[in-house]
Amino acid sequence: MDFSILIVLINTLSQIFVWIIIASSLLSFFLPPYHPVREALDRIIDPFLTPIRRVAPNAGMFDFSPLLLIIAVQLLARILISILSF
């Protein structure tokens, strides 16, 4: 069975999610926390970042949880794609 459409969909959704994570991280430097764009992105990203922030150690003023989330999303996408293309 050909899963090429599903593979493309998984790849596209994972890339869009990664870009949303990057945008949310970058906008946190420039926009106030109650800006509508930042609130919308935070509503999407925070449910995924909160468990990572509980587990990941604190690195001073740096928050590495978005980076860990990007790695997890990419890893999960690659695993799903390799399973479907097998």
Protein backbone atom coordinates (compact mmCIF):
# COMPACT_ATOMS: atom_id res chain seq x y z
CA MET A 1 0.00 0.00 0.00
CA ASP A 2 1.28 3.45 -0.90
CA PHE A 3 1.43 5.90 2.00
CA SER A 4 3.13 8.72 0.12
CA ILE A 5 0.32 11.22 0.78
CA LEU A 6 0.40 10.43 4.49
CA ILE A 7 4.20 10.75 4.52
CA VAL A 8 4.00 14.16 2.87
CA LEU A 9 1.29 15.21 5.32
CA ILE A 10 3.35 14.15 8.36
CA ASN A 11 6.43 15.89 6.99
CA THR A 12 4.52 19.09 6.23
CA LEU A 13 2.74 19.21 9.60
CA SER A 14 5.97 18.61 11.49
CA GLN A 15 7.72 21.42 9.59
CA ILE A 16 4.83 23.81 10.22
CA PHE A 17 4.90 22.94 13.91
CA VAL A 18 8.66 23.52 14.07
CA TRP A 19 8.23 26.95 12.45
CA ILE A 20 5.50 27.79 14.98
CA ILE A 21 7.88 26.85 17.80
CA ILE A 22 10.61 29.03 16.31
CA ALA A 23 8.23 31.96 15.80
CA SER A 24 6.93 31.69 19.34
CA SER A 25 10.45 31.61 20.75
CA LEU A 26 11.61 34.59 18.72
CA LEU A 27 8.53 36.66 19.39
CA SER A 28 8.96 36.15 23.11
CA PHE A 29 11.98 38.48 22.87
CA PHE A 30 10.13 41.27 21.08
CA LEU A 31 6.44 41.18 22.00
CA PRO A 32 4.85 41.56 25.42
CA PRO A 33 3.26 38.41 26.88
CA TYR A 34 -0.28 39.70 26.32
CA HIS A 35 0.10 40.52 22.64
CA PRO A 36 -2.62 38.67 20.65
CA VAL A 37 -0.18 37.00 18.26
CA ARG A 38 2.02 35.79 21.05
CA GLU A 39 -0.97 34.56 23.06
CA ALA A 40 -2.22 32.58 20.05
CA LEU A 41 1.15 30.95 19.49
CA ASP A 42 1.54 30.23 23.20
CA ARG A 43 -1.85 28.51 23.27
CA ILE A 44 -0.58 26.16 20.57
CA ILE A 45 2.91 25.55 21.95
CA ASP A 46 2.54 25.67 25.76
CA PRO A 47 0.75 22.31 26.17
CA PHE A 48 3.80 20.68 24.58
CA LEU A 49 6.43 22.80 26.34
CA THR A 50 5.04 22.48 29.87
CA PRO A 51 5.91 18.77 30.36
CA ILE A 52 9.38 19.38 28.91
CA ARG A 53 9.94 22.32 31.25
CA ARG A 54 9.04 20.11 34.22
CA VAL A 55 11.61 17.48 33.25
CA ALA A 56 14.43 19.53 31.66
CA PRO A 57 16.93 21.10 34.03
CA ASN A 58 17.07 24.87 34.34
CA ALA A 59 20.00 26.46 32.51
CA GLY A 60 20.00 29.85 34.16
CA MET A 61 18.20 32.40 32.05
CA PHE A 62 18.18 30.16 28.96
CA ASP A 63 15.17 28.00 28.16
CA PHE A 64 16.14 24.99 26.08
CA SER A 65 12.65 23.45 26.08
CA PRO A 66 11.76 24.79 22.58
CA LEU A 67 14.93 23.19 21.22
CA LEU A 68 14.07 19.90 22.91
CA LEU A 69 10.54 20.10 21.51
CA ILE A 70 11.87 20.69 17.99
CA ILE A 71 14.16 17.66 18.33
CA ALA A 72 11.26 15.54 19.63
CA VAL A 73 8.93 16.62 16.80
CA GLN A 74 11.57 15.91 14.16
CA LEU A 75 12.42 12.55 15.71
CA LEU A 76 8.78 11.52 15.93
CA ALA A 77 8.15 12.59 12.33
CA ARG A 78 11.17 10.61 11.09
CA ILE A 79 10.08 7.52 13.02
CA LEU A 80 6.54 7.71 11.62
CA ILE A 81 7.82 8.28 8.09
CA SER A 82 10.24 5.37 8.32
CA ILE A 83 7.46 3.09 9.60
CA LEU A 84 5.13 4.13 6.79
CA SER A 85 7.77 3.79 4.09
CA PHE A 86 8.84 0.34 5.31
